[in-house]
């Protein structure tokens, strides 16, 4: 007697052969449906969307069962500068052509890639969203998407990194170099368009390239090697070798060109200006005029110092207010007369020789600064007498003002000394 037992039907009565055949048929149907569903769908791991049971057709190509991750465009740009440093950018345009959302991706970068940074169409990625691990012949970058890639959506990714020149560039003779790269991609990737762009430093000359179907472009003094493949399922040649010739003195070529251009422009402007504006004859200033200016200015400084001393004597109570007024009025009248005389002499000097104009303006600026500092010092003393500031604040302010005033007085002394020398 044949019986069919399950965990829940141990007591099932199997005496009726029709019911037994029916149960066997239903169970077979359920098992068959379950197997078909498992074959038709797979799990998502990292950058792999699922394992297909059939062979899909993309752009007229029959793909293998596991090549279902769609990359619309992948562009890898390698740039070698004049010093041999290598910088790289990987650009990806990824399309989700599957019914599931994608929340993780895996990228394969060249070995020993460093300084890795990532951004997509929504912004930069922080380090905590990236997991970098070194493999045998490549660097694996696992990322967690900030915004999941829904079915039917596209997103762009840009990965920037640096490569060690000691690993990728070998030097033959004193001007011959060889750049070697390995191309690696995940097995499940189908790339509609792949581009490898290698930019050489200015002045470099390509000797040989192992790629097939490449083109070399000249952009000014720079050379670019561009290798393009369409509907890529796997690389025909994973090892790329570029031999080029580069003279190290090309590093200084561009600065020398700009220096030469600047020198030529300067010389042209000089000769044009000289032809349009003939050199004027410089008339020397009479030494007597310079001497009168210096003597008048020194007398003005002496009277200003005497006026400051008179005011200090009054504050200390050593002279009366009546004497202060009388003496200050006399000094101020003499200062007004000296200012008028100095203005006339200064106009004569500038009219005769314009080269003194800047020097006399510096003298006026220093003089105005000294007058302002004297007023500031008077205000500090008044505030201290009224008890508005402490002795420490007074001393600190007076030290600062005195230091600035001393610098301005040194400027005045230096200009007067130069004028005195030229008046001899």
Protein backbone atom coordinates (compact mmCIF):
# COMPACT_ATOMS: atom_id res chain seq x y z
CA UNK A 1 0.00 0.00 0.00
CA UNK A 2 1.41 3.44 -1.07
CA UNK A 3 1.09 6.36 1.47
CA UNK A 4 1.95 10.14 1.17
CA UNK A 5 2.92 11.70 4.46
CA UNK A 6 3.68 15.31 5.46
CA UNK A 7 4.39 16.88 8.84
CA UNK A 8 0.79 18.08 9.17
CA UNK A 9 -0.95 15.05 7.59
CA UNK A 10 0.48 12.03 9.37
CA UNK A 11 -2.99 10.75 10.05
CA UNK A 12 -4.30 11.21 6.49
CA UNK A 13 -6.32 8.27 5.32
CA UNK A 14 -4.87 7.08 1.98
CA UNK A 15 -7.32 4.38 1.22
CA UNK A 16 -8.90 6.37 -1.63
CA UNK A 17 -6.52 6.12 -4.64
CA UNK A 18 -8.15 9.09 -6.44
CA UNK A 19 -7.40 11.47 -3.59
CA UNK A 20 -3.85 10.17 -3.40
CA UNK A 21 -3.18 10.85 -7.08
CA UNK A 22 -4.72 14.32 -6.77
CA UNK A 23 -2.46 15.23 -3.82
CA UNK A 24 0.64 14.08 -5.69
CA UNK A 25 -0.31 16.13 -8.76
CA UNK A 26 -0.91 19.35 -6.75
CA UNK A 27 2.40 18.97 -4.87
CA UNK A 28 4.30 18.51 -8.14
CA UNK A 29 2.74 21.69 -9.54
CA UNK A 30 3.72 23.70 -6.43
CA UNK A 31 7.32 22.45 -6.50
CA UNK A 32 7.64 23.22 -10.23
CA UNK A 33 6.28 26.77 -9.80
CA UNK A 34 8.65 27.41 -6.90
CA UNK A 35 11.67 26.28 -8.92
CA UNK A 36 10.71 28.52 -11.87
CA UNK A 37 10.36 31.56 -9.58
CA UNK A 38 13.79 30.94 -8.04
CA UNK A 39 15.38 30.67 -11.46
CA UNK A 40 13.68 33.82 -12.73
CA UNK A 41 14.79 36.08 -9.90
CA UNK A 42 17.99 36.58 -7.93
CA UNK A 43 19.33 38.63 -5.06
CA UNK A 44 21.04 42.02 -5.27
CA UNK A 45 24.62 42.22 -3.96
CA UNK A 46 26.61 45.49 -4.23
CA UNK A 47 26.68 46.56 -7.85
CA UNK A 48 25.14 43.33 -9.23
CA UNK A 49 21.44 43.68 -9.87
CA UNK A 50 20.32 40.05 -10.31
CA UNK A 51 21.15 36.78 -12.04
CA UNK A 52 18.93 36.27 -15.08
CA UNK A 53 17.66 32.90 -16.14
CA UNK A 54 17.33 33.92 -19.76
CA UNK A 55 19.72 35.62 -22.16
CA UNK A 56 18.59 39.25 -22.65
CA UNK A 57 19.32 41.14 -25.86
CA UNK A 58 20.88 44.60 -25.58
CA UNK A 59 21.69 46.65 -28.69
CA UNK A 60 21.34 43.50 -30.76
CA UNK A 61 23.94 41.58 -28.68
CA UNK A 62 23.16 38.41 -26.79
CA UNK A 63 24.66 38.79 -23.32
CA UNK A 64 25.71 36.11 -20.95
CA UNK A 65 23.33 35.24 -18.17
CA UNK A 66 25.09 37.39 -15.55
CA UNK A 67 25.81 40.55 -17.60
CA UNK A 68 22.81 42.63 -16.63
CA UNK A 69 24.28 45.80 -15.07
CA UNK A 70 23.81 48.60 -17.61
CA UNK A 71 26.50 51.33 -17.95
CA UNK A 72 25.49 53.87 -20.59
CA UNK A 73 28.94 55.51 -20.54
CA UNK A 74 32.23 54.94 -18.75
CA UNK A 75 35.05 57.40 -19.36
CA UNK A 76 38.45 57.06 -17.70
CA UNK A 77 40.79 60.06 -18.04
CA UNK A 78 44.47 59.71 -17.12
CA UNK A 79 46.60 62.89 -17.03
CA UNK A 80 50.40 62.92 -16.69
CA UNK A 81 51.93 66.29 -15.84
CA UNK A 82 55.41 67.62 -16.54
CA UNK A 83 56.82 66.17 -13.30
CA UNK A 84 55.39 62.69 -13.94
CA UNK A 85 52.53 62.92 -11.42
CA UNK A 86 49.39 61.01 -12.46
CA UNK A 87 45.85 62.19 -11.77
CA UNK A 88 42.74 60.35 -12.92
CA UNK A 89 38.97 60.78 -13.24
CA UNK A 90 36.38 58.07 -13.83
CA UNK A 91 32.98 59.19 -15.13
CA UNK A 92 30.00 56.78 -15.10
CA UNK A 93 26.47 57.19 -16.45
CA UNK A 94 24.51 54.29 -14.95
CA UNK A 95 21.01 53.21 -15.93
CA UNK A 96 18.86 50.92 -13.81
CA UNK A 97 17.00 48.77 -16.31
CA UNK A 98 15.79 46.31 -13.70
CA UNK A 99 12.64 46.24 -11.54
CA UNK A 100 14.57 46.45 -8.25
CA UNK A 101 16.05 49.53 -6.55
CA UNK A 102 19.83 49.78 -6.29
CA UNK A 103 21.28 51.10 -3.03
CA UNK A 104 24.89 49.94 -3.36
CA UNK A 105 27.49 50.04 -6.13
CA UNK A 106 30.97 48.63 -6.64
CA UNK A 107 33.65 50.29 -8.76
CA UNK A 108 37.04 48.86 -9.71
CA UNK A 109 39.87 51.41 -9.86
CA UNK A 110 43.53 50.91 -10.78
CA UNK A 111 45.79 49.44 -8.13
CA UNK A 112 47.25 51.76 -5.45
CA UNK A 113 44.74 54.52 -6.17
CA UNK A 114 44.88 57.17 -3.45
CA UNK A 115 43.13 60.42 -2.55
CA UNK A 116 39.82 58.98 -3.74
CA UNK A 117 36.85 61.36 -3.83
CA UNK A 118 33.37 60.70 -5.20
CA UNK A 119 30.41 62.78 -6.27
CA UNK A 120 27.18 62.14 -8.12
CA UNK A 121 24.50 64.36 -9.59
CA UNK A 122 23.26 65.13 -6.05
CA UNK A 123 26.55 66.15 -4.45
CA UNK A 124 29.74 64.89 -2.83
CA UNK A 125 30.06 61.65 -0.86
CA UNK A 126 31.55 61.50 2.61
CA UNK A 127 34.11 58.91 3.66
CA UNK A 128 31.62 56.98 5.78
CA UNK A 129 29.64 56.09 2.61
CA UNK A 130 32.71 54.63 0.89
CA UNK A 131 34.54 51.39 1.61
CA UNK A 132 37.96 51.11 -0.09
CA UNK A 133 39.85 47.84 -0.22
CA UNK A 134 43.02 46.82 -2.06
CA UNK A 135 42.86 43.73 -4.25
CA UNK A 136 45.55 41.95 -6.20
CA UNK A 137 45.47 44.00 -9.37
CA UNK A 138 42.95 46.73 -8.60
CA UNK A 139 41.38 48.91 -5.91
CA UNK A 140 37.77 48.10 -5.04
CA UNK A 141 35.44 50.96 -4.07
CA UNK A 142 32.10 50.03 -2.51
CA UNK A 143 29.64 52.87 -1.97
CA UNK A 144 26.24 53.23 -0.35
CA UNK A 145 24.07 55.51 -2.42
CA UNK A 146 22.74 58.66 -0.77
CA UNK A 147 19.71 58.35 -3.05
CA UNK A 148 18.69 54.93 -4.28
CA UNK A 149 18.59 54.33 -8.01
CA UNK A 150 15.02 53.42 -8.84
CA UNK A 151 13.99 51.34 -11.84
CA UNK A 152 14.24 53.33 -15.05
CA UNK A 153 16.39 56.07 -13.48
CA UNK A 154 19.91 57.23 -14.38
CA UNK A 155 22.62 58.79 -12.26
CA UNK A 156 26.10 60.17 -12.96
CA UNK A 157 29.18 59.46 -10.85
CA UNK A 158 32.60 61.08 -10.93
CA UNK A 159 35.52 59.49 -9.07
CA UNK A 160 38.79 61.42 -8.76
CA UNK A 161 42.04 59.85 -7.54
CA UNK A 162 45.80 59.82 -7.93
CA UNK A 163 48.16 57.06 -9.05
CA UNK A 164 51.80 56.54 -8.03
CA UNK A 165 54.12 57.30 -10.93
CA UNK A 166 56.69 54.83 -9.59
CA UNK A 167 54.25 51.97 -10.31
CA UNK A 168 52.85 53.08 -13.66
CA UNK A 169 55.67 54.98 -15.38
CA UNK A 170 59.08 53.55 -16.19
CA UNK A 171 61.93 55.55 -17.64
CA UNK A 172 64.04 54.17 -20.46
CA UNK A 173 66.64 56.63 -21.67
CA UNK A 174 66.93 60.20 -20.45
CA UNK A 175 63.83 61.25 -22.42
CA UNK A 176 61.94 57.99 -23.14
CA UNK A 177 59.08 56.91 -20.86
CA UNK A 178 56.56 54.05 -20.76
CA UNK A 179 53.11 54.28 -19.17
CA UNK A 180 51.45 50.93 -18.37
CA UNK A 181 47.81 50.54 -17.29
CA UNK A 182 45.57 47.59 -16.51
CA UNK A 183 41.86 47.79 -17.34
CA UNK A 184 39.46 45.94 -15.03
CA UNK A 185 35.69 45.93 -14.71
CA UNK A 186 33.10 43.83 -12.85
CA UNK A 187 32.02 40.77 -14.78
CA UNK A 188 28.35 41.79 -14.68
CA UNK A 189 28.91 45.11 -16.42
CA UNK A 190 27.68 45.80 -19.91
CA UNK A 191 29.11 49.15 -21.11
CA UNK A 192 27.47 50.83 -24.07
CA UNK A 193 30.41 53.24 -24.55
CA UNK A 194 33.86 53.04 -22.95
CA UNK A 195 36.55 55.70 -23.45
CA UNK A 196 40.12 55.77 -22.24
CA UNK A 197 41.73 59.21 -22.55
CA UNK A 198 45.42 59.68 -21.73
CA UNK A 199 46.75 63.26 -21.62
CA UNK A 200 50.50 63.71 -21.89
CA UNK A 201 52.44 66.79 -20.74
CA UNK A 202 53.13 69.64 -23.14
CA UNK A 203 55.87 68.79 -25.60
CA UNK A 204 55.52 65.00 -25.26
CA UNK A 205 55.64 62.89 -28.43
CA UNK A 206 53.93 59.49 -28.79
CA UNK A 207 56.21 56.68 -29.90
CA UNK A 208 53.98 53.61 -29.62
CA UNK A 209 50.59 52.57 -28.18
CA UNK A 210 49.36 49.02 -27.67
CA UNK A 211 45.66 49.84 -28.11
CA UNK A 212 43.79 49.13 -31.34
CA UNK A 213 41.63 51.74 -33.01
CA UNK A 214 42.91 54.70 -31.00
CA UNK A 215 43.40 58.25 -32.20
CA UNK A 216 45.89 60.92 -31.16
CA UNK A 217 44.72 64.52 -30.87
CA UNK A 218 46.88 67.62 -30.60
CA UNK A 219 45.58 70.50 -28.49
CA UNK A 220 48.17 73.22 -28.73
CA UNK A 221 51.37 71.69 -27.38
CA UNK A 222 49.58 68.82 -25.60
CA UNK A 223 48.79 65.35 -26.94
CA UNK A 224 45.80 63.17 -26.05
CA UNK A 225 45.40 59.46 -26.79
CA UNK A 226 41.74 58.45 -27.08
CA UNK A 227 40.64 54.81 -27.17
CA UNK A 228 36.91 54.13 -27.57
CA UNK A 229 34.91 50.87 -27.51
CA UNK A 230 31.16 50.30 -27.86
CA UNK A 231 28.95 47.54 -26.42
CA UNK A 232 31.72 46.31 -24.17
CA UNK A 233 31.25 43.03 -22.33
CA UNK A 234 34.92 42.34 -21.69
CA UNK A 235 38.23 43.96 -22.66
CA UNK A 236 40.05 42.49 -25.63
CA UNK A 237 43.32 43.70 -24.14
CA UNK A 238 43.38 44.48 -20.43
CA UNK A 239 47.01 45.69 -20.48
CA UNK A 240 47.62 49.07 -22.14
CA UNK A 241 51.12 50.33 -22.86
CA UNK A 242 51.99 53.84 -24.05
CA UNK A 243 55.54 54.79 -24.98
CA UNK A 244 56.32 58.47 -25.32
CA UNK A 245 59.25 60.85 -25.50
CA UNK A 246 59.45 63.92 -23.29
CA UNK A 247 62.23 66.47 -22.75
CA UNK A 248 62.22 67.61 -19.13
CA UNK A 249 63.18 71.21 -20.01
CA UNK A 250 59.68 71.63 -21.45
CA UNK A 251 58.67 72.39 -17.85
CA UNK A 252 60.22 75.85 -18.21
CA UNK A 253 58.97 76.42 -21.75
CA UNK A 254 55.67 78.14 -20.94
CA UNK A 255 57.13 80.51 -18.27
CA UNK A 256 59.87 81.45 -20.71
CA UNK A 257 57.32 82.17 -23.43
CA UNK A 258 55.25 84.40 -21.13
CA UNK A 259 58.38 86.20 -19.90
CA UNK A 260 59.50 86.83 -23.48
CA UNK A 261 56.05 88.12 -24.45
CA UNK A 262 55.97 90.43 -21.42
CA UNK A 263 59.44 91.75 -22.25
CA UNK A 264 58.49 92.40 -25.89
CA UNK A 265 55.27 94.16 -24.91
CA UNK A 266 57.13 96.30 -22.37
CA UNK A 267 59.79 97.25 -24.90
CA UNK A 268 57.16 98.10 -27.51
CA UNK A 269 55.25 100.31 -25.06
CA UNK A 270 58.47 102.05 -24.05
CA UNK A 271 59.45 102.92 -27.61
CA UNK A 272 55.89 103.96 -28.52
CA UNK A 273 55.71 106.25 -25.49
CA UNK A 274 59.12 107.64 -26.25
CA UNK A 275 58.19 108.39 -29.86
CA UNK A 276 54.87 110.00 -28.93
CA UNK A 277 56.15 111.88 -25.89
CA UNK A 278 59.73 113.04 -26.27
CA UNK A 279 61.69 113.14 -23.06
CA UNK A 280 61.28 116.46 -21.30
CA UNK A 281 64.27 118.34 -20.07
CA UNK A 282 64.36 118.25 -16.29
CA UNK A 283 65.02 121.65 -14.85
CA UNK A 284 67.03 121.51 -11.66
CA UNK A 285 65.53 123.21 -8.62
CA UNK A 286 67.55 126.06 -7.24
CA UNK A 287 69.37 124.94 -4.07
CA UNK A 288 68.33 128.17 -2.40
CA UNK A 289 64.64 127.27 -2.79
CA UNK A 290 65.16 123.85 -1.24
CA UNK A 291 67.21 125.43 1.56
CA UNK A 292 64.47 127.96 2.32
CA UNK A 293 61.88 125.18 2.44
CA UNK A 294 63.95 123.05 4.83
CA UNK A 295 64.72 126.00 7.14
CA UNK A 296 61.09 127.12 7.22
CA UNK A 297 59.84 123.60 7.95
CA UNK A 298 62.37 123.07 10.74
CA UNK A 299 61.30 126.37 12.31
CA UNK A 300 57.69 125.18 12.11
CA UNK A 301 58.60 121.94 13.90
CA UNK A 302 60.41 123.89 16.61
CA UNK A 303 57.42 126.18 17.20
CA UNK A 304 55.06 123.17 17.32
CA UNK A 305 57.24 121.53 19.96
CA UNK A 306 57.34 124.79 21.93
CA UNK A 307 53.53 125.04 21.80
CA UNK A 308 53.16 121.45 23.10
CA UNK A 309 55.63 122.17 25.90
CA UNK A 310 53.70 125.34 26.86
CA UNK A 311 50.47 123.37 27.18
CA UNK A 312 52.18 120.74 29.36
CA UNK A 313 53.54 123.48 31.63
CA UNK A 314 50.04 124.87 32.05
CA UNK A 315 48.58 121.47 32.95
CA UNK A 316 51.26 121.05 35.59
CA UNK A 317 50.40 124.49 37.06
CA UNK A 318 53.74 126.09 36.34
CA UNK A 319 52.34 128.99 34.27
CA UNK A 320 49.13 130.95 34.54
CA UNK A 321 46.23 130.81 32.13
CA UNK A 322 46.86 134.45 31.12
CA UNK A 323 50.46 133.71 30.14
CA UNK A 324 49.31 130.56 28.31
CA UNK A 325 46.86 132.54 26.18
CA UNK A 326 49.34 135.28 25.37
CA UNK A 327 52.18 132.95 24.49
CA UNK A 328 49.96 130.50 22.52
CA UNK A 329 48.50 133.34 20.44
CA UNK A 330 52.00 134.52 19.50
CA UNK A 331 53.13 131.02 18.52
CA UNK A 332 49.99 130.29 16.48
CA UNK A 333 50.42 133.54 14.50
CA UNK A 334 53.99 132.60 13.63
CA UNK A 335 52.87 129.08 12.64
CA UNK A 336 50.21 130.50 10.29
CA UNK A 337 52.80 132.70 8.61
CA UNK A 338 55.17 129.74 8.23
CA UNK A 339 52.44 127.58 6.71
CA UNK A 340 51.75 130.29 4.13
CA UNK A 341 55.44 130.59 3.28
CA UNK A 342 55.89 126.80 3.02
CA UNK A 343 52.89 126.51 0.66
CA UNK A 344 54.40 129.12 -1.67
CA UNK A 345 57.83 127.47 -1.69
CA UNK A 346 56.26 124.05 -2.26
CA UNK A 347 54.38 125.31 -5.32
CA UNK A 348 57.65 126.69 -6.73
CA UNK A 349 59.42 123.37 -6.21
CA UNK A 350 56.67 121.29 -7.86
CA UNK A 351 56.36 123.71 -10.78
CA UNK A 352 60.10 123.50 -11.41
CA UNK A 353 60.59 119.75 -10.87
CA UNK A 354 57.64 117.38 -10.62
CA UNK A 355 59.80 114.63 -9.17
CA UNK A 356 59.51 116.29 -5.74
CA UNK A 357 55.72 116.12 -5.75
CA UNK A 358 55.49 112.61 -4.29
CA UNK A 359 58.07 113.39 -1.64
CA UNK A 360 56.21 116.54 -0.51
CA UNK A 361 52.89 114.64 -0.41
CA UNK A 362 54.48 112.06 1.91
CA UNK A 363 55.65 114.95 4.07
CA UNK A 364 52.12 116.35 4.28
CA UNK A 365 50.69 112.92 5.14
CA UNK A 366 53.19 112.41 7.97
CA UNK A 367 52.54 115.92 9.27
CA UNK A 368 48.75 115.35 9.33
CA UNK A 369 49.28 112.05 11.13
CA UNK A 370 51.38 113.74 13.81
CA UNK A 371 48.69 116.38 14.39
CA UNK A 372 46.01 113.68 14.72
CA UNK A 373 48.12 111.73 17.20
CA UNK A 374 48.73 114.86 19.29
CA UNK A 375 44.96 115.35 19.51
CA UNK A 376 44.50 111.68 20.49
CA UNK A 377 47.10 112.03 23.22
CA UNK A 378 45.33 115.12 24.57
CA UNK A 379 42.03 113.21 24.70
CA UNK A 380 43.62 110.30 26.58
CA UNK A 381 45.07 112.72 29.15
CA UNK A 382 41.71 114.43 29.57
CA UNK A 383 39.88 111.14 30.06
CA UNK A 384 42.45 110.05 32.62
CA UNK A 385 42.07 113.30 34.55
CA UNK A 386 38.28 112.81 34.61
CA UNK A 387 38.73 109.26 35.90
CA UNK A 388 37.20 107.59 32.81
CA UNK A 389 40.18 105.30 32.22
CA UNK A 390 42.67 103.62 34.52
CA UNK A 391 46.39 104.27 34.69
CA UNK A 392 47.13 101.01 32.86
CA UNK A 393 44.81 101.90 29.96
CA UNK A 394 46.32 105.40 29.81
CA UNK A 395 49.85 104.02 29.67
CA UNK A 396 48.97 101.46 27.00
CA UNK A 397 47.26 104.06 24.77
CA UNK A 398 50.05 106.58 25.19
CA UNK A 399 52.66 103.95 24.31
CA UNK A 400 50.78 102.99 21.14
CA UNK A 401 50.24 106.60 20.04
CA UNK A 402 53.85 107.51 20.81
CA UNK A 403 55.11 104.60 18.71
CA UNK A 404 53.02 105.67 15.70
CA UNK A 405 54.01 109.30 16.19
CA UNK A 406 57.69 108.38 16.30
CA UNK A 407 57.38 106.56 12.98
CA UNK A 408 55.73 109.59 11.34
CA UNK A 409 58.39 111.93 12.77
CA UNK A 410 61.11 109.67 11.35
CA UNK A 411 59.47 109.99 7.93
CA UNK A 412 59.52 113.79 8.21
CA UNK A 413 63.16 113.78 9.29
CA UNK A 414 64.17 111.49 6.43
CA UNK A 415 62.51 113.71 3.80
CA UNK A 416 64.02 116.89 5.24
CA UNK A 417 67.45 115.28 5.31
CA UNK A 418 67.19 114.35 1.62
CA UNK A 419 66.05 117.85 0.67
CA UNK A 420 68.90 119.36 2.71
CA UNK A 421 71.43 117.14 0.92
CA UNK A 422 70.10 118.20 -2.50
CA UNK A 423 70.23 121.86 -1.52
CA UNK A 424 73.98 121.73 -0.94
